[in-house]
Amino acid sequence: PRALVPVEGAVGAVHTPLLTQDEQVDVLERLDFVLRNISELRREVEELRGSLQGLAAEIVGEVRSHLEETQKVTRRRRFPFPRERSDSTGSSSIYFTASSGAANTDDGESEGGYTTANAESDYDRESERESEEGEDEVSCETVRTARRDSLDLVNEDEAHLLLDSSLEEGLGQLLQQADRLHSGDEQEKREGFQLLLNNKLAYAEQKDFLWRLARAHSDMCELSEDAEEKRSYASDGKEELEIALQKWDHSAECHQWYAVLCGQLAEHESIQKRIQTGYIFKEHIDKAIELKPEDPKSYYLLGRWCYQVSHLGWLEKKTASALFEAPPTATVEDALQNFLRVEELSPGFSKAGRVHIAKCYRDLGNNTAAALWMDLASELPARTKE
């Protein structure tokens, strides 16, 4: 190319080159040199980008390995042996006590859908709590460090995809393990509670993690013998779900376990408090059924509520009438229909449920049906001391 400019003269404009031919060649060579450097730089950037993404993936893998190792260590943790418990009878109040009937479920739920872990000495609990806090800090700091490093190494979208995928996979494995431990014996329930506590900082914003953590608190409340320990476990679990329900009001499990923990917390309260808790219990169980109408456990809990209400004592009825404009009402027929609904959805769901069907038929004067259901109940294994 030739760059020309007009030069005015006596006759007219004459075009002369702005650059000489040698200067034009020199400029072209320089441009070619710059283009080659840009191409090489672009290639080096791509190579560096690939290596940094690989490094981020390695960091995520290390985080996952650390979480898995923490879980293995937790499984090997030695727990104190549970002390023997004396048999207790169910309460006749509106709410369900920790000793209320349990459910033999296919998915490993305990019979009442709300049994928990064992009693430990104050010294053992403090020692384990200190150990758990240390492990939580290490696990959480590792996750935070990996998150910061990965965000520095790769762009933000890719970093979030990598970390979210890894954490989601780890959460799925954790929840499966927690469900398996919850369906086991007392020792396994305690182990499951400890496992969830150790991972709380990493998954505290996950709905399915939170309601399982609350369920584990309910397990611990059920298995503890000390009244203050029971109250503490139930209160902590209830607080976890109060936070969860602010964000996930559409979760049937959150409503279900919130109702259970409210009942456990009111176990040693006054008659007025127990009656008030009964309204809360019924409200959240109804909500759980509305959200998940095919869950047999919700109908089992509602059946227990109806049966308790139909057998309220004179003092409780008078107290409810004096304190509330509309005292709770339910009949034995209501309880029976809910228990039969459980059998319809999941035959053999609960040994205690079949016993309650027999009790309902007995109360209604049908002794033949009562005997039949007692025989059917005896065919199921006992999953709890009750």
Protein backbone atom coordinates (compact mmCIF):
# COMPACT_ATOMS: atom_id res chain seq x y z
CA PRO A 1 0.00 0.00 0.00
CA ARG A 2 1.10 3.52 -0.64
CA ALA A 3 0.16 6.39 1.63
CA LEU A 4 -0.12 9.54 -0.42
CA VAL A 5 -0.75 13.16 0.48
CA PRO A 6 -1.61 16.07 -1.90
CA VAL A 7 0.90 18.87 -2.30
CA GLU A 8 -0.35 22.09 -3.84
CA GLY A 9 1.67 23.51 -6.72
CA ALA A 10 1.36 26.11 -9.37
CA VAL A 11 -0.51 23.80 -11.74
CA GLY A 12 -2.38 21.47 -9.33
CA ALA A 13 -2.09 18.82 -6.61
CA VAL A 14 0.80 16.39 -6.83
CA HIS A 15 0.71 13.14 -4.74
CA THR A 16 3.92 12.14 -3.00
CA PRO A 17 4.44 9.11 -0.73
CA LEU A 18 4.25 9.73 3.06
CA LEU A 19 6.69 6.85 3.72
CA THR A 20 9.49 5.57 1.61
CA GLN A 21 9.45 2.02 0.38
CA ASP A 22 12.12 0.95 2.92
CA GLU A 23 10.15 2.54 5.73
CA GLN A 24 6.99 0.76 4.63
CA VAL A 25 8.79 -2.59 4.60
CA ASP A 26 10.13 -1.88 8.08
CA VAL A 27 6.64 -1.08 9.39
CA LEU A 28 5.21 -4.27 7.87
CA GLU A 29 7.96 -6.35 9.47
CA ARG A 30 7.26 -4.79 12.82
CA LEU A 31 3.53 -5.45 12.50
CA ASP A 32 4.20 -9.04 11.56
CA PHE A 33 6.45 -9.39 14.63
CA VAL A 34 3.71 -7.99 16.89
CA LEU A 35 1.10 -10.35 15.45
CA ARG A 36 3.35 -13.37 15.99
CA ASN A 37 3.92 -12.34 19.60
CA ILE A 38 0.21 -11.86 20.18
CA SER A 39 -0.50 -15.33 18.77
CA GLU A 40 2.17 -16.91 20.96
CA LEU A 41 0.90 -15.04 24.02
CA ARG A 42 -2.64 -16.20 23.34
CA ARG A 43 -1.45 -19.81 23.11
CA GLU A 44 0.47 -19.49 26.38
CA VAL A 45 -2.59 -18.02 28.11
CA GLU A 46 -4.71 -20.96 26.96
CA GLU A 47 -2.11 -23.41 28.27
CA LEU A 48 -1.93 -21.58 31.59
CA ARG A 49 -5.71 -21.54 31.86
CA GLY A 50 -5.88 -25.28 31.31
CA SER A 51 -3.22 -25.96 33.94
CA LEU A 52 -4.97 -23.71 36.49
CA GLN A 53 -8.28 -25.47 35.92
CA GLY A 54 -6.55 -28.78 36.54
CA LEU A 55 -5.08 -27.40 39.75
CA ALA A 56 -8.52 -26.25 40.90
CA ALA A 57 -9.91 -29.72 40.25
CA GLU A 58 -7.09 -31.22 42.33
CA ILE A 59 -7.93 -28.88 45.21
CA VAL A 60 -11.59 -29.87 45.06
CA GLY A 61 -10.54 -33.52 45.12
CA GLU A 62 -8.43 -32.89 48.20
CA VAL A 63 -11.40 -31.24 49.92
CA ARG A 64 -13.57 -34.23 49.11
CA SER A 65 -10.94 -36.64 50.39
CA HIS A 66 -10.65 -34.67 53.61
CA LEU A 67 -14.42 -34.78 54.18
CA GLU A 68 -14.51 -38.52 53.51
CA GLU A 69 -11.61 -39.09 55.89
CA THR A 70 -13.41 -37.07 58.55
CA GLN A 71 -16.45 -39.28 58.13
CA LYS A 72 -14.32 -42.42 58.43
CA VAL A 73 -12.72 -41.13 61.60
CA THR A 74 -16.17 -40.35 62.97
CA ARG A 75 -17.35 -43.88 62.23
CA ARG A 76 -14.39 -45.23 64.16
CA ARG A 77 -15.13 -42.96 67.11
CA ARG A 78 -15.76 -44.91 70.26
CA PHE A 79 -18.93 -44.08 72.12
CA PRO A 80 -19.81 -44.91 75.74
CA PHE A 81 -22.07 -47.93 76.15
CA PRO A 82 -25.70 -47.03 76.69
CA ARG A 83 -27.11 -47.53 80.13
CA GLU A 84 -30.10 -49.75 80.68
CA ARG A 85 -33.42 -47.97 80.54
CA SER A 86 -36.53 -48.85 82.41
CA ASP A 87 -39.68 -49.36 80.39
CA SER A 88 -42.00 -46.39 80.29
CA THR A 89 -45.61 -45.98 79.27
CA GLY A 90 -46.96 -43.51 76.76
CA SER A 91 -48.33 -40.19 77.98
CA SER A 92 -52.04 -39.48 77.82
CA SER A 93 -51.49 -35.84 76.98
CA ILE A 94 -52.15 -34.11 73.68
CA TYR A 95 -48.53 -34.15 72.59
CA PHE A 96 -46.40 -37.22 71.99
CA THR A 97 -43.70 -37.94 74.50
CA ALA A 98 -40.32 -39.36 73.55
CA SER A 99 -41.57 -42.82 74.51
CA SER A 100 -44.58 -42.70 72.19
CA GLY A 101 -44.96 -45.50 69.68
CA ALA A 102 -42.34 -46.18 67.08
CA ALA A 103 -42.63 -47.08 63.44
CA ASN A 104 -41.00 -50.01 61.73
CA THR A 105 -40.45 -48.44 58.32
CA ASP A 106 -38.90 -49.54 55.10
CA ASP A 107 -36.77 -46.41 54.92
CA GLY A 108 -35.34 -47.00 58.35
CA GLU A 109 -37.46 -44.60 60.37
CA SER A 110 -37.88 -45.51 64.00
CA GLU A 111 -41.33 -46.52 65.12
CA GLY A 112 -42.77 -43.21 66.21
CA GLY A 113 -40.85 -41.54 63.48
CA TYR A 114 -39.07 -39.62 66.19
CA THR A 115 -36.77 -41.73 68.37
CA THR A 116 -33.22 -40.53 69.04
CA ALA A 117 -29.77 -41.25 70.67
CA ASN A 118 -28.37 -42.26 74.13
CA ALA A 119 -27.59 -40.73 77.47
CA GLU A 120 -24.03 -39.78 78.22
CA SER A 121 -22.30 -38.31 81.25
CA ASP A 122 -21.64 -34.57 81.36
CA TYR A 123 -17.92 -35.25 81.13
CA ASP A 124 -18.30 -37.45 78.05
CA ARG A 125 -20.54 -34.92 76.35
CA GLU A 126 -18.18 -32.03 77.02
CA SER A 127 -15.18 -34.03 75.79
CA GLU A 128 -16.96 -35.09 72.61
CA ARG A 129 -18.26 -31.55 72.05
CA GLU A 130 -14.72 -30.13 72.23
CA SER A 131 -13.49 -32.79 69.80
CA GLU A 132 -16.39 -32.12 67.44
CA GLU A 133 -15.73 -28.38 67.46
CA GLY A 134 -12.10 -28.96 66.56
CA GLU A 135 -13.01 -31.27 63.69
CA ASP A 136 -15.67 -28.84 62.47
CA GLU A 137 -13.16 -25.99 62.40
CA VAL A 138 -10.65 -28.04 60.43
CA SER A 139 -13.26 -29.28 57.94
CA CYS A 140 -14.80 -25.85 57.45
CA GLU A 141 -11.43 -24.10 57.10
CA THR A 142 -10.39 -26.62 54.46
CA VAL A 143 -13.55 -25.95 52.48
CA ARG A 144 -13.12 -22.19 52.79
CA THR A 145 -9.47 -22.35 51.74
CA ALA A 146 -10.28 -24.47 48.69
CA ARG A 147 -13.09 -22.12 47.74
CA ARG A 148 -10.81 -19.06 47.94
CA ASP A 149 -7.97 -20.74 46.04
CA SER A 150 -10.20 -22.04 43.28
CA LEU A 151 -11.82 -18.64 42.81
CA ASP A 152 -8.38 -17.10 42.39
CA LEU A 153 -7.26 -19.72 39.87
CA VAL A 154 -10.21 -19.90 37.52
CA ASN A 155 -13.07 -17.63 36.61
CA GLU A 156 -15.96 -17.36 39.06
CA ASP A 157 -18.56 -19.35 37.10
CA GLU A 158 -16.26 -22.33 36.56
CA ALA A 159 -15.13 -22.29 40.20
CA HIS A 160 -18.71 -22.38 41.45
CA LEU A 161 -19.58 -25.23 39.11
CA LEU A 162 -16.62 -27.31 40.27
CA LEU A 163 -17.17 -26.72 43.98
CA ASP A 164 -20.96 -27.05 43.84
CA SER A 165 -20.65 -30.36 41.99
CA SER A 166 -18.17 -31.71 44.52
CA LEU A 167 -20.16 -30.55 47.55
CA GLU A 168 -23.39 -31.92 46.08
CA GLU A 169 -21.82 -35.33 45.57
CA GLY A 170 -20.40 -35.30 49.09
CA LEU A 171 -23.78 -34.26 50.51
CA GLY A 172 -25.56 -37.14 48.75
CA GLN A 173 -23.16 -39.69 50.25
CA LEU A 174 -23.48 -38.07 53.67
CA LEU A 175 -27.28 -38.17 53.64
CA GLN A 176 -27.33 -41.83 52.60
CA GLN A 177 -25.00 -42.69 55.45
CA ALA A 178 -27.08 -40.65 57.91
CA ASP A 179 -30.27 -42.48 56.86
CA ARG A 180 -28.57 -45.84 57.27
CA LEU A 181 -27.29 -44.99 60.75
CA HIS A 182 -30.69 -43.60 61.78
CA SER A 183 -32.31 -46.93 60.92
CA GLY A 184 -29.80 -48.83 63.08
CA ASP A 185 -29.48 -49.50 66.79
CA GLU A 186 -28.76 -46.99 69.55
CA GLN A 187 -25.02 -46.98 68.90
CA GLU A 188 -25.53 -46.25 65.21
CA LYS A 189 -28.01 -43.47 65.99
CA ARG A 190 -25.42 -41.81 68.21
CA GLU A 191 -22.84 -42.23 65.47
CA GLY A 192 -25.20 -40.68 62.93
CA PHE A 193 -25.80 -37.69 65.22
CA GLN A 194 -22.05 -37.14 65.58
CA LEU A 195 -21.53 -37.49 61.82
CA LEU A 196 -24.06 -34.78 61.05
CA LEU A 197 -22.65 -32.45 63.68
CA ASN A 198 -19.17 -32.81 62.21
CA ASN A 199 -20.46 -31.70 58.79
CA LYS A 200 -22.81 -28.95 59.92
CA LEU A 201 -20.53 -26.08 58.93
CA ALA A 202 -20.13 -27.43 55.40
CA TYR A 203 -23.83 -28.15 54.73
CA ALA A 204 -25.75 -25.87 57.12
CA GLU A 205 -27.51 -24.21 54.18
CA GLN A 206 -28.90 -27.47 52.75
CA LYS A 207 -32.54 -28.32 53.50
CA ASP A 208 -32.15 -32.11 53.39
CA PHE A 209 -29.18 -31.88 55.73
CA LEU A 210 -30.96 -29.67 58.26
CA TRP A 211 -34.06 -31.80 58.76
CA ARG A 212 -31.89 -34.88 59.17
CA LEU A 213 -29.82 -33.04 61.76
CA ALA A 214 -33.06 -32.17 63.58
CA ARG A 215 -34.12 -35.82 63.34
CA ALA A 216 -30.79 -36.83 64.91
CA HIS A 217 -31.45 -34.40 67.78
CA SER A 218 -34.79 -36.14 68.24
CA ASP A 219 -32.95 -39.48 68.32
CA MET A 220 -30.62 -38.18 71.03
CA CYS A 221 -33.58 -36.85 73.01
CA GLU A 222 -35.26 -40.25 72.88
CA LEU A 223 -32.20 -42.21 73.97
CA SER A 224 -31.10 -39.84 76.72
CA GLU A 225 -32.20 -40.58 80.28
CA ASP A 226 -31.48 -37.24 81.93
CA ALA A 227 -34.40 -34.78 81.75
CA GLU A 228 -32.18 -31.77 81.11
CA GLU A 229 -30.34 -33.58 78.31
CA LYS A 230 -33.66 -34.48 76.73
CA ARG A 231 -34.78 -30.87 76.91
CA SER A 232 -31.48 -29.63 75.48
CA TYR A 233 -31.51 -32.00 72.49
CA ALA A 234 -35.16 -31.26 71.69
CA SER A 235 -34.63 -27.51 72.01
CA ASP A 236 -31.55 -27.51 69.76
CA GLY A 237 -33.31 -29.59 67.11
CA LYS A 238 -36.38 -27.35 67.22
CA GLU A 239 -34.20 -24.27 66.72
CA GLU A 240 -32.56 -25.84 63.68
CA LEU A 241 -35.96 -26.36 62.08
CA GLU A 242 -37.25 -22.92 63.00
CA ILE A 243 -34.44 -21.53 60.87
CA ALA A 244 -35.09 -24.06 58.10
CA LEU A 245 -38.83 -23.35 57.95
CA GLN A 246 -38.19 -19.66 57.36
CA LYS A 247 -36.59 -20.65 54.06
CA TRP A 248 -38.19 -24.01 53.22
CA ASP A 249 -41.78 -23.82 54.39
CA HIS A 250 -42.65 -26.20 51.54
CA SER A 251 -40.68 -29.10 53.07
CA ALA A 252 -42.93 -31.83 54.47
CA GLU A 253 -40.04 -33.35 56.45
CA CYS A 254 -39.25 -30.03 58.12
CA HIS A 255 -42.86 -29.67 59.28
CA GLN A 256 -43.01 -33.30 60.36
CA TRP A 257 -39.92 -33.22 62.55
CA TYR A 258 -40.72 -29.78 63.89
CA ALA A 259 -43.99 -31.21 65.24
CA VAL A 260 -42.19 -34.17 66.80
CA LEU A 261 -39.56 -32.01 68.50
CA CYS A 262 -42.22 -29.63 69.83
CA GLY A 263 -43.90 -32.62 71.47
CA GLN A 264 -40.64 -33.87 72.94
CA LEU A 265 -39.77 -30.42 74.28
CA ALA A 266 -43.17 -30.13 75.99
CA GLU A 267 -42.81 -33.52 77.66
CA HIS A 268 -42.10 -32.08 81.11
CA GLU A 269 -44.07 -28.86 80.72
CA SER A 270 -47.29 -27.78 82.41
CA ILE A 271 -50.72 -28.89 81.21
CA GLN A 272 -51.28 -25.49 79.60
CA LYS A 273 -48.00 -25.74 77.68
CA ARG A 274 -48.75 -29.28 76.56
CA ILE A 275 -52.17 -28.31 75.26
CA GLN A 276 -50.72 -25.33 73.42
CA THR A 277 -48.08 -27.61 71.92
CA GLY A 278 -50.84 -29.94 70.80
CA TYR A 279 -52.25 -27.23 68.54
CA ILE A 280 -48.80 -26.57 67.07
CA PHE A 281 -48.25 -30.30 66.57
CA LYS A 282 -51.52 -30.71 64.70
CA GLU A 283 -50.88 -27.64 62.54
CA HIS A 284 -47.51 -28.87 61.30
CA ILE A 285 -48.63 -32.48 60.78
CA ASP A 286 -51.56 -31.25 58.67
CA LYS A 287 -49.10 -29.15 56.66
CA ALA A 288 -46.80 -32.13 56.17
CA ILE A 289 -49.72 -34.23 54.88
CA GLU A 290 -50.76 -31.43 52.52
CA LEU A 291 -47.23 -31.25 51.09
CA LYS A 292 -46.62 -35.01 50.97
CA PRO A 293 -49.94 -36.87 51.09
CA GLU A 294 -48.43 -40.30 50.45
CA ASP A 295 -46.10 -40.31 53.49
CA PRO A 296 -47.40 -42.95 55.96
CA LYS A 297 -45.46 -41.54 58.89
CA SER A 298 -47.47 -38.31 58.92
CA TYR A 299 -50.73 -40.27 59.11
CA TYR A 300 -49.25 -42.40 61.89
CA LEU A 301 -48.38 -39.27 63.90
CA LEU A 302 -51.81 -37.78 63.23
CA GLY A 303 -53.41 -41.02 64.37
CA ARG A 304 -51.42 -40.88 67.61
CA TRP A 305 -52.56 -37.28 68.12
CA CYS A 306 -56.21 -38.18 67.55
CA TYR A 307 -55.99 -41.13 69.91
CA GLN A 308 -54.39 -39.04 72.65
CA VAL A 309 -56.97 -36.28 72.27
CA SER A 310 -59.85 -38.76 72.39
CA HIS A 311 -58.48 -40.04 75.72
CA LEU A 312 -57.77 -36.70 77.41
CA GLY A 313 -58.36 -36.72 81.14
CA TRP A 314 -60.94 -34.61 82.90
CA LEU A 315 -58.38 -32.07 84.12
CA GLU A 316 -56.88 -31.63 80.66
CA LYS A 317 -60.30 -31.15 79.07
CA LYS A 318 -61.26 -28.53 81.65
CA THR A 319 -57.94 -26.74 81.20
CA ALA A 320 -58.31 -26.71 77.42
CA SER A 321 -61.87 -25.37 77.66
CA ALA A 322 -60.79 -22.60 80.03
CA LEU A 323 -57.74 -21.51 78.04
CA PHE A 324 -58.87 -21.88 74.44
CA GLU A 325 -62.03 -20.92 72.61
CA ALA A 326 -61.94 -24.12 70.56
CA PRO A 327 -60.43 -27.04 72.54
CA PRO A 328 -58.92 -29.82 70.42
CA THR A 329 -61.36 -32.49 69.40
CA ALA A 330 -60.83 -35.94 67.92
CA THR A 331 -62.47 -39.34 68.23
CA VAL A 332 -61.29 -42.92 68.31
CA GLU A 333 -62.81 -43.31 64.83
CA ASP A 334 -60.57 -40.48 63.60
CA ALA A 335 -57.51 -42.21 65.02
CA LEU A 336 -58.54 -45.55 63.52
CA GLN A 337 -58.96 -44.06 60.04
CA ASN A 338 -55.48 -42.56 60.15
CA PHE A 339 -53.88 -45.80 61.34
CA LEU A 340 -55.69 -47.76 58.61
CA ARG A 341 -54.47 -45.19 56.08
CA VAL A 342 -50.91 -45.99 57.20
CA GLU A 343 -51.47 -49.69 56.51
CA GLU A 344 -52.97 -48.84 53.14
CA LEU A 345 -49.91 -46.81 52.11
CA SER A 346 -47.30 -49.09 53.67
CA PRO A 347 -48.45 -52.46 55.06
CA GLY A 348 -46.45 -53.36 58.16
CA PHE A 349 -45.16 -49.81 58.54
CA SER A 350 -45.35 -49.92 62.33
CA LYS A 351 -45.76 -52.58 64.98
CA ALA A 352 -47.01 -49.91 67.38
CA GLY A 353 -49.41 -48.70 64.68
CA ARG A 354 -51.04 -52.13 64.45
CA VAL A 355 -51.30 -52.27 68.24
CA HIS A 356 -53.11 -48.94 68.15
CA ILE A 357 -55.50 -50.24 65.51
CA ALA A 358 -56.29 -53.10 67.87
CA LYS A 359 -56.80 -50.65 70.75
CA CYS A 360 -59.15 -48.55 68.62
CA TYR A 361 -61.25 -51.58 67.71
CA ARG A 362 -61.29 -52.61 71.37
CA ASP A 363 -62.48 -49.15 72.42
CA LEU A 364 -65.20 -49.37 69.75
CA GLY A 365 -66.33 -52.75 71.07
CA ASN A 366 -65.10 -54.89 68.16
CA ASN A 367 -63.04 -57.47 70.05
CA THR A 368 -62.75 -59.81 67.05
CA ALA A 369 -61.02 -57.17 64.95
CA ALA A 370 -58.91 -56.14 67.94
CA ALA A 371 -57.61 -59.69 68.37
CA LEU A 372 -56.90 -59.99 64.64
CA TRP A 373 -54.79 -56.82 64.62
CA MET A 374 -52.91 -57.88 67.74
CA ASP A 375 -51.99 -61.08 65.93
CA LEU A 376 -50.84 -59.05 62.92
CA ALA A 377 -48.79 -56.82 65.19
CA SER A 378 -47.04 -59.82 66.71
CA GLU A 379 -45.76 -60.78 63.25
CA LEU A 380 -43.63 -57.64 63.04
CA PRO A 381 -40.24 -57.39 64.79
CA ALA A 382 -39.89 -55.00 67.69
CA ARG A 383 -37.67 -52.10 66.66
CA THR A 384 -37.79 -50.16 69.92
CA LYS A 385 -38.03 -50.96 73.64
CA GLU A 386 -41.62 -49.79 73.69
